Amino acid sequence: MDIPIIRYHDVEYLNQQNQAVNISAIFPNLDVDESKSSSYNFSATDQLMKAATETGARIIFRLGENIQNIGSATGNNNPPKDFAKWARIAERIVAHYESGWNNGFHYTNIMWEVWNEPDNHQCWNSSFDAYCEFYKIVWRYIHAKHPDADISPSYAYSAENRAKLYRYIRDNGLGIGHCFVHHYWNDFAGIGEDAKKLKNELKQYGLGADIIMNEWNYLSPDGKWNNLAATFYAIQTQQAAAWYAKQLIHMQAAEDLAGAVYYVSDMPGFWTGLYKRNSKGEFVVLPAYDTFRYFGKLYKLGYEVKPDKVPEDTYVLAATDGKKEMGIMVVNDSDKSKEVDVRIKNVRLDEYKIQMKGKKVHATGEKIRLRLLPYEVSFVNILTQ
């Protein structure tokens, strides 16, 4: 899928007994000496980190605990009792993955996120002022030991709390590498403006950080939290595949958005629109899987190509490697079949090797005619002969 960023939070794989990623999984007994290697259990988390690193992706590692949610066997919204000791534990985790401590690694691809949603009581059951103090203690301790570590706070939903946090970071000489943001919406068409507003919020306090939406997904037809059942079934459909493609195109157009991380891809999970378990207990891919795979192909090519004269209810994203290959994702965002002609300026497409969904396509002179089913997401691959 050529995924550029992987975030570890609310991890369930290997984690039904809380084995991975959470501080309480890696350091299960808070009463023992945090300086001793024997106090830590890295084995399950190491498997996940190796798997992610082998994909070439950057990693957002949430230092904290899973959300305390309905049905969660591994969630914990209680802040640490001893902020200083917790900071020392977190620093040893950074040392394991960046400095090789405790038979560890020398990864250079990790963004460290301190906790999750500190103004959501399901994640942080205390005041936001307490979180600001917590971030200061954790940031200072890790930064003192690992000056190059990429450390950031988690997303605060409230603009008032974000202002409080940014003021606190500025006044205490702390750092922020990334502004993480979470959005569950029914339409991301305005994400560009939202990212720009977040940039301006940071600038007001003399801070600079890129904007990464490290949680996003569909949220019911009316964009509200009152109908999660509708969300669960909707994201498994072909219409969802087209919806996801459209939103990825909106995100790609947002100049101030540096990245977006789909929530979530655990197997299986409530929010997962990529695959599910069938009646035989087997994992099967859902229609949206191809949407993300196509986006990965475009991302890997590297250079976006601007579309023009796009028909109504059709969305297009295209990219090239600048040498011999081009990819085009075409989305029919309607409940009717349609035909669409694809042309590339000053290019005779009949002189190129063209495939669509793994099958050869023959161009007529300068154009390819695509026949798209309702809500179909199609991908055209064009190669020099």
Protein backbone atom coordinates (compact mmCIF):
# COMPACT_ATOMS: atom_id res chain seq x y z
CA MET A 1 0.00 0.00 0.00
CA ASP A 2 3.06 2.31 0.18
CA ILE A 3 1.86 3.91 3.42
CA PRO A 4 4.00 6.94 4.39
CA ILE A 5 3.00 7.24 8.08
CA ILE A 6 1.93 4.63 10.64
CA ARG A 7 0.61 5.65 14.06
CA TYR A 8 0.60 3.32 17.05
CA HIS A 9 -2.31 4.16 19.35
CA ASP A 10 -5.31 2.09 20.49
CA VAL A 11 -3.35 -0.94 19.35
CA GLU A 12 -5.30 -4.18 19.58
CA TYR A 13 -3.15 -6.55 17.50
CA LEU A 14 -1.13 -8.74 19.94
CA ASN A 15 -2.75 -6.62 22.62
CA GLN A 16 -5.82 -8.34 24.07
CA GLN A 17 -3.86 -8.69 27.32
CA ASN A 18 -2.16 -5.30 26.90
CA GLN A 19 1.13 -6.54 25.47
CA ALA A 20 2.21 -3.72 23.14
CA VAL A 21 2.85 0.04 22.81
CA ASN A 22 1.05 1.26 25.95
CA ILE A 23 3.37 2.35 28.76
CA SER A 24 1.55 -0.12 31.03
CA ALA A 25 2.38 -2.89 28.53
CA ILE A 26 6.05 -2.05 28.16
CA PHE A 27 6.54 -1.20 31.85
CA PRO A 28 3.91 -3.36 33.61
CA ASN A 29 4.98 -2.77 37.24
CA LEU A 30 5.22 0.90 38.17
CA ASP A 31 6.78 0.07 41.52
CA VAL A 32 10.04 -1.34 40.10
CA ASP A 33 13.26 0.47 39.16
CA GLU A 34 12.85 2.19 35.80
CA SER A 35 16.60 2.28 35.19
CA LYS A 36 16.87 -1.53 34.99
CA SER A 37 16.43 -3.25 31.65
CA SER A 38 14.68 -6.17 33.35
CA SER A 39 11.76 -3.88 34.26
CA TYR A 40 10.70 -3.57 30.61
CA ASN A 41 8.87 -5.87 28.19
CA PHE A 42 9.58 -4.72 24.62
CA SER A 43 8.98 -7.97 22.74
CA ALA A 44 5.49 -7.37 21.29
CA THR A 45 6.14 -3.69 20.57
CA ASP A 46 9.42 -4.59 18.87
CA GLN A 47 7.48 -6.80 16.43
CA LEU A 48 5.18 -3.93 15.51
CA MET A 49 8.01 -1.41 15.18
CA LYS A 50 10.04 -3.74 12.96
CA ALA A 51 7.04 -4.41 10.74
CA ALA A 52 6.30 -0.69 10.36
CA THR A 53 9.92 0.25 9.71
CA GLU A 54 10.26 -2.39 7.01
CA THR A 55 7.51 -0.64 5.04
CA GLY A 56 9.62 2.53 4.88
CA ALA A 57 6.97 4.53 6.74
CA ARG A 58 7.55 7.13 9.41
CA ILE A 59 6.07 6.18 12.78
CA ILE A 60 4.01 8.20 15.23
CA PHE A 61 4.48 6.47 18.58
CA ARG A 62 1.90 7.57 21.12
CA LEU A 63 3.50 7.52 24.56
CA GLY A 64 0.56 6.77 26.83
CA GLU A 65 -2.45 4.47 27.04
CA ASN A 66 -5.37 3.31 24.90
CA ILE A 67 -8.61 5.28 25.16
CA GLN A 68 -10.94 4.21 27.99
CA ASN A 69 -13.86 3.35 25.74
CA ILE A 70 -16.89 1.09 25.82
CA GLY A 71 -15.71 -2.47 25.36
CA SER A 72 -12.02 -1.61 25.67
CA ALA A 73 -10.10 -4.26 27.55
CA THR A 74 -6.85 -2.29 27.53
CA GLY A 75 -7.91 1.36 27.94
CA ASN A 76 -6.81 3.61 30.79
CA ASN A 77 -7.65 7.30 31.14
CA ASN A 78 -5.89 7.86 34.47
CA PRO A 79 -2.91 10.23 34.34
CA PRO A 80 0.32 8.92 35.84
CA LYS A 81 0.58 9.36 39.61
CA ASP A 82 4.26 10.33 39.35
CA PHE A 83 4.91 12.51 36.30
CA ALA A 84 8.69 12.49 36.82
CA LYS A 85 8.97 8.70 37.01
CA TRP A 86 6.70 8.32 33.99
CA ALA A 87 8.99 10.72 32.08
CA ARG A 88 12.00 8.58 32.99
CA ILE A 89 10.18 5.47 31.74
CA ALA A 90 9.24 7.22 28.50
CA GLU A 91 12.85 8.29 28.02
CA ARG A 92 14.03 4.68 28.33
CA ILE A 93 11.51 3.73 25.61
CA VAL A 94 12.97 6.44 23.39
CA ALA A 95 16.45 5.14 24.24
CA HIS A 96 15.44 1.59 23.28
CA TYR A 97 14.20 2.62 19.83
CA GLU A 98 16.62 5.42 19.01
CA SER A 99 19.83 4.66 20.93
CA GLY A 100 19.92 0.85 21.06
CA TRP A 101 19.42 0.56 24.83
CA ASN A 102 18.30 -2.82 26.14
CA ASN A 103 19.05 -4.72 22.91
CA GLY A 104 17.21 -2.02 21.03
CA PHE A 105 17.35 -0.17 17.73
CA HIS A 106 18.64 2.99 16.10
CA TYR A 107 15.50 4.12 14.30
CA THR A 108 15.43 7.64 12.88
CA ASN A 109 11.83 7.65 11.68
CA ILE A 110 9.85 8.16 14.91
CA MET A 111 7.62 11.05 15.96
CA TRP A 112 6.93 10.81 19.70
CA GLU A 113 3.42 11.90 20.72
CA VAL A 114 2.87 12.58 24.43
CA TRP A 115 -0.47 11.01 25.43
CA ASN A 116 -3.71 11.25 23.41
CA GLU A 117 -6.52 13.85 23.41
CA PRO A 118 -5.79 15.45 26.78
CA ASP A 119 -9.09 17.36 26.84
CA ASN A 120 -11.11 14.19 26.31
CA HIS A 121 -12.00 12.60 29.68
CA GLN A 122 -11.94 9.14 28.08
CA CYS A 123 -8.21 9.66 27.55
CA TRP A 124 -7.10 12.07 30.31
CA ASN A 125 -9.20 12.07 33.45
CA SER A 126 -7.74 15.25 34.91
CA SER A 127 -7.45 18.96 34.18
CA PHE A 128 -5.87 20.40 31.06
CA ASP A 129 -3.53 22.44 33.25
CA ALA A 130 -2.23 19.14 34.63
CA TYR A 131 -1.56 17.94 31.09
CA CYS A 132 0.46 21.08 30.34
CA GLU A 133 2.63 20.41 33.39
CA PHE A 134 2.90 16.76 32.39
CA TYR A 135 4.06 17.69 28.88
CA LYS A 136 6.68 20.04 30.31
CA ILE A 137 8.15 17.36 32.58
CA VAL A 138 8.17 14.70 29.86
CA TRP A 139 9.50 16.98 27.10
CA ARG A 140 12.32 18.40 29.24
CA TYR A 141 13.50 15.01 30.47
CA ILE A 142 13.49 13.31 27.07
CA HIS A 143 14.96 16.36 25.33
CA ALA A 144 17.82 16.54 27.85
CA LYS A 145 18.80 12.94 27.08
CA HIS A 146 17.90 12.93 23.37
CA PRO A 147 18.18 16.48 21.97
CA ASP A 148 17.25 15.31 18.46
CA ALA A 149 14.15 13.35 19.48
CA ASP A 150 11.01 14.50 17.63
CA ILE A 151 8.52 15.21 20.47
CA SER A 152 5.05 16.75 20.23
CA PRO A 153 1.91 17.08 22.36
CA SER A 154 -1.29 15.33 21.35
CA TYR A 155 -4.31 17.10 19.87
CA ALA A 156 -6.60 19.20 22.03
CA TYR A 157 -10.10 19.57 20.58
CA SER A 158 -10.77 22.90 22.28
CA ALA A 159 -9.25 26.01 20.66
CA GLU A 160 -9.06 27.52 24.16
CA ASN A 161 -7.01 24.57 25.39
CA ARG A 162 -4.74 24.67 22.34
CA ALA A 163 -4.07 28.35 23.04
CA LYS A 164 -3.29 27.53 26.67
CA LEU A 165 -0.91 24.74 25.61
CA TYR A 166 0.90 26.84 23.00
CA ARG A 167 1.31 29.70 25.46
CA TYR A 168 2.68 27.23 28.00
CA ILE A 169 5.12 25.76 25.47
CA ARG A 170 6.34 29.24 24.53
CA ASP A 171 6.64 30.54 28.09
CA ASN A 172 8.49 27.45 29.32
CA GLY A 173 10.89 27.12 26.40
CA LEU A 174 9.49 23.76 25.31
CA GLY A 175 9.25 22.33 21.80
CA ILE A 176 6.56 21.09 19.44
CA GLY A 177 7.53 19.20 16.30
CA HIS A 178 4.07 18.58 14.90
CA CYS A 179 0.56 19.87 15.42
CA PHE A 180 -1.49 16.69 15.47
CA VAL A 181 -5.19 17.03 14.74
CA HIS A 182 -8.15 14.59 14.87
CA HIS A 183 -11.22 14.87 12.63
CA TYR A 184 -14.20 12.57 12.12
CA TRP A 185 -16.41 14.17 9.48
CA ASN A 186 -18.79 13.44 6.66
CA ASP A 187 -16.94 15.82 4.32
CA PHE A 188 -13.30 16.99 4.36
CA ALA A 189 -13.71 19.61 1.62
CA GLY A 190 -12.77 22.36 4.11
CA ILE A 191 -9.66 20.68 5.49
CA GLY A 192 -7.37 23.17 3.74
CA GLU A 193 -8.87 26.11 5.62
CA ASP A 194 -8.80 24.21 8.90
CA ALA A 195 -5.11 23.37 8.48
CA LYS A 196 -4.38 27.02 7.69
CA LYS A 197 -6.20 28.11 10.90
CA LEU A 198 -4.10 25.67 12.96
CA LYS A 199 -0.93 27.10 11.40
CA ASN A 200 -2.07 30.59 12.38
CA GLU A 201 -2.85 29.45 15.93
CA LEU A 202 0.76 28.30 16.28
CA LYS A 203 2.14 31.52 14.76
CA GLN A 204 0.33 33.62 17.38
CA TYR A 205 2.66 32.09 19.97
CA GLY A 206 5.80 32.13 17.84
CA LEU A 207 5.64 28.39 17.21
CA GLY A 208 6.19 26.55 13.96
CA ALA A 209 5.11 22.96 13.35
CA ASP A 210 3.68 21.05 10.46
CA ILE A 211 0.03 19.93 10.57
CA ILE A 212 -0.57 16.19 10.59
CA MET A 213 -4.13 14.89 10.89
CA ASN A 214 -3.16 11.71 12.71
CA GLU A 215 -6.74 10.50 13.18
CA TRP A 216 -9.43 10.78 10.52
CA ASN A 217 -12.40 8.77 9.31
CA TYR A 218 -16.00 8.97 8.15
CA LEU A 219 -18.65 9.92 10.71
CA SER A 220 -22.28 9.03 9.84
CA PRO A 221 -24.25 10.75 7.05
CA ASP A 222 -25.08 13.77 9.24
CA GLY A 223 -21.53 14.16 10.58
CA LYS A 224 -22.61 13.52 14.19
CA TRP A 225 -21.67 10.99 16.86
CA ASN A 226 -25.27 9.89 17.46
CA ASN A 227 -25.34 7.12 14.85
CA LEU A 228 -22.17 5.04 14.99
CA ALA A 229 -23.99 1.96 13.69
CA ALA A 230 -24.56 3.80 10.40
CA THR A 231 -20.86 4.62 10.28
CA PHE A 232 -19.85 0.99 10.87
CA TYR A 233 -21.91 -0.33 7.98
CA ALA A 234 -21.32 2.61 5.65
CA ILE A 235 -17.52 2.32 5.59
CA GLN A 236 -17.72 -1.27 4.32
CA THR A 237 -19.48 -0.33 1.06
CA GLN A 238 -18.44 0.57 -2.47
CA GLN A 239 -19.86 4.03 -1.86
CA ALA A 240 -17.38 4.37 1.00
CA ALA A 241 -14.52 3.54 -1.36
CA ALA A 242 -15.53 6.53 -3.49
CA TRP A 243 -16.02 8.70 -0.39
CA TYR A 244 -12.53 7.86 0.91
CA ALA A 245 -11.00 8.60 -2.51
CA LYS A 246 -12.75 11.99 -2.62
CA GLN A 247 -11.51 12.89 0.87
CA LEU A 248 -7.92 11.87 0.06
CA ILE A 249 -8.13 14.20 -2.94
CA HIS A 250 -9.38 17.03 -0.68
CA MET A 251 -6.49 16.37 1.71
CA GLN A 252 -3.93 16.29 -1.06
CA ALA A 253 -5.13 19.73 -2.17
CA ALA A 254 -4.68 21.20 1.33
CA GLU A 255 -1.35 23.03 1.15
CA ASP A 256 -0.88 23.33 4.91
CA LEU A 257 -1.63 19.66 5.64
CA ALA A 258 1.62 17.69 5.83
CA GLY A 259 0.07 14.26 6.41
CA ALA A 260 -3.08 12.33 7.28
CA VAL A 261 -3.32 9.02 9.14
CA TYR A 262 -6.43 6.90 8.68
CA TYR A 263 -8.02 5.67 11.91
CA VAL A 264 -7.89 2.71 12.09
CA SER A 265 -6.47 -0.41 10.45
CA ASP A 266 -6.42 -2.98 13.25
CA MET A 267 -7.82 -6.39 12.24
CA PRO A 268 -10.71 -6.30 12.74
CA GLY A 269 -11.90 -3.05 14.30
CA PHE A 270 -15.03 -0.93 14.50
CA TRP A 271 -13.52 1.92 12.47
CA THR A 272 -11.77 -0.25 9.89
CA GLY A 273 -13.06 0.21 6.35
CA LEU A 274 -10.18 -1.73 4.82
CA TYR A 275 -11.05 -5.35 5.67
CA LYS A 276 -13.33 -7.46 7.81
CA ARG A 277 -13.77 -11.02 9.00
CA ASN A 278 -16.24 -13.09 6.95
CA SER A 279 -18.62 -15.81 8.17
CA LYS A 280 -15.76 -18.36 7.99
CA GLY A 281 -13.54 -16.22 10.18
CA GLU A 282 -11.28 -15.27 7.25
CA PHE A 283 -10.04 -11.75 6.63
CA VAL A 284 -11.30 -10.26 3.38
CA VAL A 285 -10.54 -6.86 1.88
CA LEU A 286 -13.32 -4.28 1.55
CA PRO A 287 -13.77 -1.92 -1.43
CA ALA A 288 -11.91 0.96 0.26
CA TYR A 289 -8.72 -1.11 0.41
CA ASP A 290 -8.10 -0.44 -3.28
CA THR A 291 -8.70 3.28 -2.79
CA PHE A 292 -5.82 3.46 -0.31
CA ARG A 293 -3.69 1.21 -2.48
CA TYR A 294 -4.21 3.50 -5.48
CA PHE A 295 -3.31 6.55 -3.42
CA GLY A 296 -0.16 4.74 -2.31
CA LYS A 297 0.81 4.18 -5.94
CA LEU A 298 0.37 7.88 -6.68
CA TYR A 299 2.30 8.88 -3.57
CA LYS A 300 5.19 6.63 -4.59
CA LEU A 301 5.33 8.20 -8.08
CA GLY A 302 6.06 11.49 -6.38
CA TYR A 303 4.93 14.39 -8.59
CA GLU A 304 1.30 15.50 -8.72
CA VAL A 305 -0.23 16.31 -12.10
CA LYS A 306 -3.03 18.88 -12.12
CA PRO A 307 -6.33 17.71 -13.69
CA ASP A 308 -8.48 19.98 -15.81
CA LYS A 309 -12.06 19.92 -17.15
CA VAL A 310 -13.19 17.32 -14.61
CA PRO A 311 -16.88 16.35 -15.11
CA GLU A 312 -19.50 16.82 -12.40
CA ASP A 313 -19.53 14.16 -9.64
CA THR A 314 -16.10 12.99 -10.81
CA TYR A 315 -12.84 13.38 -8.92
CA VAL A 316 -9.34 12.89 -10.28
CA LEU A 317 -5.88 12.60 -8.74
CA ALA A 318 -2.85 11.99 -10.93
CA ALA A 319 0.91 11.69 -10.47
CA THR A 320 4.06 10.91 -12.42
CA ASP A 321 7.62 9.90 -11.69
CA GLY A 322 8.71 12.48 -14.25
CA LYS A 323 10.33 9.83 -16.43
CA LYS A 324 8.38 6.86 -17.67
CA GLU A 325 5.27 6.29 -15.56
CA MET A 326 2.03 8.02 -14.70
CA GLY A 327 -0.95 7.01 -12.57
CA ILE A 328 -4.49 8.41 -12.59
CA MET A 329 -7.18 7.70 -9.98
CA VAL A 330 -10.66 8.47 -11.31
CA VAL A 331 -13.68 8.49 -8.99
CA ASN A 332 -17.33 8.28 -10.00
CA ASP A 333 -19.02 9.86 -6.99
CA SER A 334 -22.57 9.18 -8.16
CA ASP A 335 -25.15 6.40 -8.18
CA LYS A 336 -25.18 6.27 -11.99
CA SER A 337 -22.77 4.67 -14.45
CA LYS A 338 -20.85 7.10 -16.65
CA GLU A 339 -18.26 7.32 -19.38
CA VAL A 340 -15.23 9.57 -18.99
CA ASP A 341 -12.53 10.37 -21.54
CA VAL A 342 -8.96 10.77 -20.25
CA ARG A 343 -6.47 12.86 -22.20
CA ILE A 344 -2.96 14.06 -21.41
CA LYS A 345 -1.89 17.32 -23.02
CA ASN A 346 0.46 16.84 -25.99
CA VAL A 347 0.59 13.05 -25.52
CA ARG A 348 -0.62 10.38 -27.93
CA LEU A 349 -1.78 7.73 -25.50
CA ASP A 350 -1.91 5.02 -28.16
CA GLU A 351 1.90 5.08 -28.08
CA TYR A 352 1.98 4.04 -24.40
CA LYS A 353 1.40 0.84 -22.45
CA ILE A 354 -1.83 1.33 -20.48
CA GLN A 355 -3.38 -0.83 -17.79
CA MET A 356 -6.51 -0.37 -15.74
CA LYS A 357 -6.95 -2.61 -12.68
CA GLY A 358 -4.32 -4.97 -14.09
CA LYS A 359 -5.91 -5.29 -17.54
CA LYS A 360 -4.59 -3.84 -20.80
CA VAL A 361 -6.43 -0.81 -22.17
CA HIS A 362 -6.15 0.40 -25.76
CA ALA A 363 -6.21 4.14 -26.32
CA THR A 364 -7.80 5.77 -29.34
CA GLY A 365 -5.35 8.40 -30.49
CA GLU A 366 -5.05 10.92 -27.66
CA LYS A 367 -7.68 9.52 -25.31
CA ILE A 368 -8.76 6.60 -23.15
CA ARG A 369 -12.47 6.06 -22.59
CA LEU A 370 -13.32 4.81 -19.11
CA ARG A 371 -16.67 3.21 -18.31
CA LEU A 372 -17.29 3.69 -14.61
CA LEU A 373 -19.88 1.89 -12.50
CA PRO A 374 -21.72 3.74 -9.70
CA TYR A 375 -19.22 4.85 -7.02
CA GLU A 376 -16.38 3.11 -8.83
CA VAL A 377 -12.79 4.08 -8.05
CA SER A 378 -10.63 3.27 -11.04
CA PHE A 379 -6.89 3.44 -11.54
CA VAL A 380 -5.10 3.91 -14.84
CA ASN A 381 -1.40 3.12 -15.10
CA ILE A 382 0.47 4.58 -18.09
CA LEU A 383 3.99 3.44 -19.02
CA THR A 384 6.32 4.24 -21.87
CA GLN A 385 6.61 1.31 -24.30
